[in-house]
Structures are given as C-alpha cells and as structure tokens.
C-alpha cells in the first residue's frame, strides 16, 4: 500500500511541476518580443521572414534583416533591430 501511495504522490508532483513549467514559459514569451536584424549566424530563434528556412539556428550570417531573435520587450530598437512590419516594408522597397 505504501508503494502505491508513493507512486501516486510522485505522479501528482510530476504533473504539477509540468504545469508550472509551461506557465513559466508562457509568461517568459509574453515578456519578450521578436526583434529582426539582431540575430547572429546560427543563433536565430525560428523561421526567417523571407522563407529561406523554417527552423531555429539556421541563419547563415550575422544581423540579416529577415532573421529574428527574442529580446526583452522594449529593447529591440536599442539593439538596432526592427519589427516584422518594418522589415516587410524595407523588403518591399528594395524590390521596386
């Protein structure tokens, strides 16, 4: 009986810990923003805006305008970065 109680307690503790970790990750993303043009080669957080790849860590060069990285909210401009809208406008201007 004690072994069963210990197993149930462990399962409950694991599920609670998982729930807290997911909540923490969600809060972390809410306190950050995508900042384009600041990622170093191989350090981008996900797909490029231009569609050249679809995964993190695949930026080929430093500071490409269509590569992004999460930064704390409010710090993107200070790092010399841009929003997605600014990058799209810049890309549209160069195609003219």
N, C-alpha and C. Protein backbone atom coordinates (compact mmCIF):
# COMPACT_ATOMS: atom_id res chain seq x y z
N UNK A 1 0.82 -1.19 0.00
CA UNK A 1 0.00 0.00 0.00
C UNK A 1 0.87 1.26 0.00
N UNK A 2 1.94 1.27 0.80
CA UNK A 2 2.80 2.45 0.86
C UNK A 2 3.46 2.73 -0.48
N UNK A 3 3.78 1.66 -1.20
CA UNK A 3 4.41 1.84 -2.51
C UNK A 3 3.44 2.51 -3.48
N UNK A 4 2.17 2.14 -3.42
CA UNK A 4 1.15 2.72 -4.29
C UNK A 4 0.95 4.20 -3.97
N UNK A 5 0.93 4.54 -2.71
CA UNK A 5 0.77 5.93 -2.28
C UNK A 5 1.97 6.75 -2.76
N UNK A 6 3.15 6.18 -2.66
CA UNK A 6 4.35 6.89 -3.12
C UNK A 6 4.31 7.11 -4.62
N UNK A 7 3.84 6.10 -5.37
CA UNK A 7 3.74 6.24 -6.83
C UNK A 7 2.73 7.32 -7.21
N UNK A 8 1.58 7.33 -6.56
CA UNK A 8 0.55 8.34 -6.84
C UNK A 8 1.08 9.72 -6.49
N UNK A 9 1.76 9.84 -5.38
CA UNK A 9 2.34 11.12 -4.98
C UNK A 9 3.37 11.61 -5.98
N UNK A 10 4.19 10.71 -6.49
CA UNK A 10 5.20 11.08 -7.49
C UNK A 10 4.55 11.54 -8.79
N UNK A 11 3.51 10.82 -9.21
CA UNK A 11 2.80 11.20 -10.43
C UNK A 11 2.15 12.57 -10.29
N UNK A 12 1.55 12.82 -9.15
CA UNK A 12 0.91 14.11 -8.89
C UNK A 12 1.96 15.23 -8.87
N UNK A 13 3.06 15.01 -8.22
CA UNK A 13 4.12 16.02 -8.17
C UNK A 13 4.68 16.31 -9.55
N UNK A 14 4.85 15.29 -10.38
CA UNK A 14 5.36 15.48 -11.73
C UNK A 14 4.39 16.29 -12.58
N UNK A 15 3.10 15.99 -12.47
CA UNK A 15 2.13 16.73 -13.28
C UNK A 15 2.04 18.19 -12.83
N UNK A 16 2.15 18.44 -11.55
CA UNK A 16 2.14 19.82 -11.06
C UNK A 16 3.37 20.58 -11.54
N UNK A 17 4.51 19.93 -11.50
CA UNK A 17 5.75 20.57 -11.95
C UNK A 17 5.68 20.89 -13.43
N UNK A 18 5.13 19.99 -14.22
CA UNK A 18 4.99 20.23 -15.65
C UNK A 18 4.08 21.42 -15.92
N UNK A 19 2.99 21.49 -15.21
CA UNK A 19 2.06 22.62 -15.37
C UNK A 19 2.71 23.94 -15.02
N UNK A 20 3.49 23.97 -13.96
CA UNK A 20 4.18 25.20 -13.56
C UNK A 20 5.23 25.59 -14.58
N UNK A 21 5.93 24.62 -15.15
CA UNK A 21 6.95 24.92 -16.16
C UNK A 21 6.31 25.52 -17.41
N UNK A 22 5.18 24.98 -17.84
CA UNK A 22 4.50 25.51 -19.02
C UNK A 22 4.01 26.92 -18.75
N UNK A 23 3.49 27.17 -17.57
CA UNK A 23 3.02 28.51 -17.21
C UNK A 23 4.19 29.49 -17.22
N UNK A 24 5.32 29.08 -16.71
CA UNK A 24 6.51 29.93 -16.68
C UNK A 24 6.99 30.26 -18.09
N UNK A 25 6.97 29.28 -19.00
CA UNK A 25 7.39 29.52 -20.37
C UNK A 25 6.44 30.50 -21.06
N UNK A 26 5.15 30.37 -20.80
CA UNK A 26 4.18 31.28 -21.41
C UNK A 26 4.42 32.70 -20.91
N UNK A 27 4.67 32.88 -19.63
CA UNK A 27 4.94 34.21 -19.10
C UNK A 27 6.23 34.77 -19.67
N UNK A 28 7.24 33.93 -19.86
CA UNK A 28 8.52 34.36 -20.41
C UNK A 28 8.33 34.91 -21.82
N UNK A 29 7.53 34.22 -22.66
CA UNK A 29 7.30 34.68 -24.03
C UNK A 29 6.53 35.99 -24.03
N UNK A 30 5.65 36.19 -23.05
CA UNK A 30 4.87 37.42 -23.00
C UNK A 30 5.75 38.63 -22.67
N UNK A 31 6.88 38.39 -22.00
CA UNK A 31 7.76 39.49 -21.62
C UNK A 31 8.85 39.73 -22.67
N UNK A 32 8.73 39.05 -23.81
CA UNK A 32 9.73 39.20 -24.88
C UNK A 32 9.04 39.55 -26.18
N UNK A 33 9.83 40.02 -27.13
CA UNK A 33 9.31 40.34 -28.45
C UNK A 33 10.28 39.88 -29.52
N UNK A 34 9.75 39.63 -30.72
CA UNK A 34 10.60 39.26 -31.85
C UNK A 34 11.32 40.51 -32.33
N UNK A 35 12.61 40.40 -32.49
CA UNK A 35 13.42 41.53 -32.95
C UNK A 35 14.20 41.07 -34.18
N UNK A 36 13.93 41.70 -35.30
CA UNK A 36 14.55 41.33 -36.57
C UNK A 36 15.84 42.10 -36.79
N UNK A 37 16.83 41.41 -37.36
CA UNK A 37 18.08 42.05 -37.71
C UNK A 37 19.13 42.05 -36.61
N UNK A 38 18.90 41.33 -35.53
CA UNK A 38 19.87 41.32 -34.43
C UNK A 38 20.48 39.94 -34.17
N UNK A 39 19.98 38.92 -34.84
CA UNK A 39 20.46 37.55 -34.60
C UNK A 39 21.82 37.33 -35.27
N UNK A 40 22.69 36.66 -34.57
CA UNK A 40 23.98 36.28 -35.15
C UNK A 40 23.80 34.96 -35.91
N UNK A 41 24.75 34.65 -36.76
CA UNK A 41 24.70 33.42 -37.56
C UNK A 41 24.50 32.21 -36.65
N UNK A 42 23.50 31.41 -36.98
CA UNK A 42 23.22 30.21 -36.21
C UNK A 42 22.52 30.44 -34.89
N UNK A 43 22.13 31.69 -34.58
CA UNK A 43 21.51 31.97 -33.29
C UNK A 43 20.11 32.58 -33.42
N UNK A 44 19.48 32.45 -34.59
CA UNK A 44 18.12 32.95 -34.75
C UNK A 44 17.17 32.02 -33.99
N UNK A 45 16.00 32.55 -33.62
CA UNK A 45 15.06 31.76 -32.82
C UNK A 45 14.08 30.93 -33.63
N UNK A 46 13.83 31.25 -34.88
CA UNK A 46 12.93 30.41 -35.68
C UNK A 46 13.03 30.80 -37.15
N UNK A 47 11.97 30.51 -37.90
CA UNK A 47 11.96 30.69 -39.35
C UNK A 47 12.28 32.13 -39.78
N UNK A 48 12.92 32.25 -40.93
CA UNK A 48 13.22 33.58 -41.46
C UNK A 48 11.96 34.17 -42.07
N UNK A 49 11.86 35.46 -42.05
CA UNK A 49 10.71 36.15 -42.62
C UNK A 49 10.68 35.99 -44.13
N UNK A 50 11.83 35.88 -44.75
CA UNK A 50 11.93 35.72 -46.20
C UNK A 50 11.64 34.31 -46.68
N UNK A 51 11.55 33.34 -45.76
CA UNK A 51 11.23 31.97 -46.13
C UNK A 51 12.41 31.13 -46.56
N UNK A 52 13.62 31.56 -46.29
CA UNK A 52 14.78 30.77 -46.71
C UNK A 52 14.98 29.52 -45.87
N UNK A 53 14.39 29.46 -44.67
CA UNK A 53 14.42 28.27 -43.82
C UNK A 53 13.28 28.35 -42.81
N UNK A 54 13.03 27.26 -42.12
CA UNK A 54 11.90 27.22 -41.20
C UNK A 54 12.27 26.80 -39.78
N UNK A 55 13.55 26.86 -39.44
CA UNK A 55 13.95 26.40 -38.11
C UNK A 55 14.93 27.35 -37.42
N UNK A 56 15.00 27.20 -36.12
CA UNK A 56 15.94 27.99 -35.32
C UNK A 56 17.37 27.55 -35.62
N UNK A 57 18.30 28.46 -35.48
CA UNK A 57 19.71 28.15 -35.62
C UNK A 57 20.20 28.00 -37.05
N UNK A 58 19.43 28.48 -38.02
CA UNK A 58 19.83 28.31 -39.41
C UNK A 58 20.21 29.62 -40.11
N UNK A 59 20.32 30.71 -39.39
CA UNK A 59 20.76 31.96 -40.01
C UNK A 59 22.17 31.78 -40.53
N UNK A 60 22.41 32.21 -41.75
CA UNK A 60 23.71 31.99 -42.40
C UNK A 60 24.73 33.09 -42.11
N UNK A 61 24.26 34.27 -41.69
CA UNK A 61 25.18 35.38 -41.43
C UNK A 61 24.64 36.21 -40.26
N UNK A 62 25.48 37.05 -39.71
CA UNK A 62 25.07 37.94 -38.62
C UNK A 62 24.16 39.06 -39.13
N UNK A 63 23.21 39.41 -38.30
CA UNK A 63 22.36 40.60 -38.45
C UNK A 63 21.59 40.68 -39.77
N UNK A 64 21.17 39.56 -40.32
CA UNK A 64 20.34 39.59 -41.53
C UNK A 64 18.97 40.18 -41.16
N UNK A 65 18.43 41.07 -41.97
CA UNK A 65 17.19 41.76 -41.60
C UNK A 65 15.98 40.84 -41.45
N UNK A 66 15.96 39.70 -42.14
CA UNK A 66 14.78 38.82 -42.04
C UNK A 66 14.93 37.71 -41.01
N UNK A 67 16.02 37.72 -40.25
CA UNK A 67 16.22 36.76 -39.15
C UNK A 67 15.89 37.45 -37.83
N UNK A 68 15.29 36.71 -36.90
CA UNK A 68 14.87 37.33 -35.65
C UNK A 68 15.32 36.52 -34.44
N UNK A 69 15.27 37.21 -33.31
CA UNK A 69 15.62 36.62 -32.02
C UNK A 69 14.70 37.26 -30.98
N UNK A 70 14.30 36.49 -29.99
CA UNK A 70 13.51 37.07 -28.89
C UNK A 70 14.43 37.95 -28.03
N UNK A 71 13.93 39.13 -27.71
CA UNK A 71 14.64 40.04 -26.80
C UNK A 71 13.62 40.55 -25.78
N UNK A 72 14.07 41.02 -24.63
CA UNK A 72 13.14 41.58 -23.66
C UNK A 72 12.34 42.73 -24.29
N UNK A 73 11.05 42.79 -23.96
CA UNK A 73 10.20 43.84 -24.52
C UNK A 73 10.81 45.21 -24.29
N UNK A 74 10.76 46.01 -25.35
CA UNK A 74 11.26 47.37 -25.27
C UNK A 74 12.74 47.54 -25.59
N UNK A 75 13.46 46.45 -25.83
CA UNK A 75 14.90 46.55 -26.08
C UNK A 75 15.29 46.40 -27.55
N UNK A 76 14.34 46.10 -28.41
CA UNK A 76 14.66 45.83 -29.81
C UNK A 76 15.29 47.05 -30.49
N UNK A 77 14.67 48.18 -30.36
CA UNK A 77 15.19 49.40 -31.02
C UNK A 77 16.58 49.76 -30.51
N UNK A 78 16.80 49.59 -29.23
CA UNK A 78 18.11 49.90 -28.64
C UNK A 78 19.21 48.99 -29.20
N UNK A 79 18.83 47.79 -29.61
CA UNK A 79 19.79 46.84 -30.18
C UNK A 79 19.95 47.05 -31.68
N UNK A 80 19.21 48.01 -32.24
CA UNK A 80 19.30 48.27 -33.68
C UNK A 80 18.38 47.39 -34.51
N UNK A 81 17.40 46.75 -33.86
CA UNK A 81 16.50 45.84 -34.55
C UNK A 81 15.25 46.51 -35.08
N UNK A 82 14.43 45.69 -35.75
CA UNK A 82 13.20 46.16 -36.38
C UNK A 82 12.05 45.21 -36.07
N UNK A 83 10.83 45.70 -36.25
CA UNK A 83 9.64 44.85 -36.15
C UNK A 83 9.45 44.13 -37.48
N UNK A 84 8.58 43.14 -37.49
CA UNK A 84 8.29 42.41 -38.73
C UNK A 84 7.73 43.35 -39.79
N UNK A 85 6.89 44.28 -39.38
CA UNK A 85 6.30 45.23 -40.33
C UNK A 85 7.36 46.12 -40.97
N UNK A 86 8.32 46.55 -40.17
CA UNK A 86 9.40 47.38 -40.71
C UNK A 86 10.25 46.61 -41.70
N UNK A 87 10.52 45.34 -41.41
CA UNK A 87 11.31 44.51 -42.32
C UNK A 87 10.55 44.29 -43.62
N UNK A 88 9.25 43.99 -43.52
CA UNK A 88 8.45 43.77 -44.72
C UNK A 88 8.43 45.02 -45.60
N UNK A 89 8.30 46.19 -44.99
CA UNK A 89 8.31 47.44 -45.74
C UNK A 89 9.66 47.65 -46.41
N UNK A 90 10.72 47.36 -45.70
CA UNK A 90 12.08 47.51 -46.23
C UNK A 90 12.29 46.55 -47.40
N UNK A 91 11.81 45.32 -47.27
CA UNK A 91 11.95 44.33 -48.34
C UNK A 91 11.13 44.75 -49.57
N UNK A 92 9.97 45.32 -49.35
CA UNK A 92 9.12 45.78 -50.46
C UNK A 92 9.79 46.93 -51.19
N UNK A 93 10.44 47.83 -50.45
CA UNK A 93 11.14 48.97 -51.06
C UNK A 93 12.30 48.52 -51.93
N UNK A 94 13.01 47.49 -51.52
CA UNK A 94 14.15 47.03 -52.29
C UNK A 94 13.74 46.29 -53.57
N UNK A 95 12.49 45.80 -53.61
CA UNK A 95 12.01 45.11 -54.80
C UNK A 95 11.53 46.07 -55.89
N UNK A 96 11.35 47.33 -55.53
CA UNK A 96 10.87 48.33 -56.51
C UNK A 96 11.94 48.74 -57.45
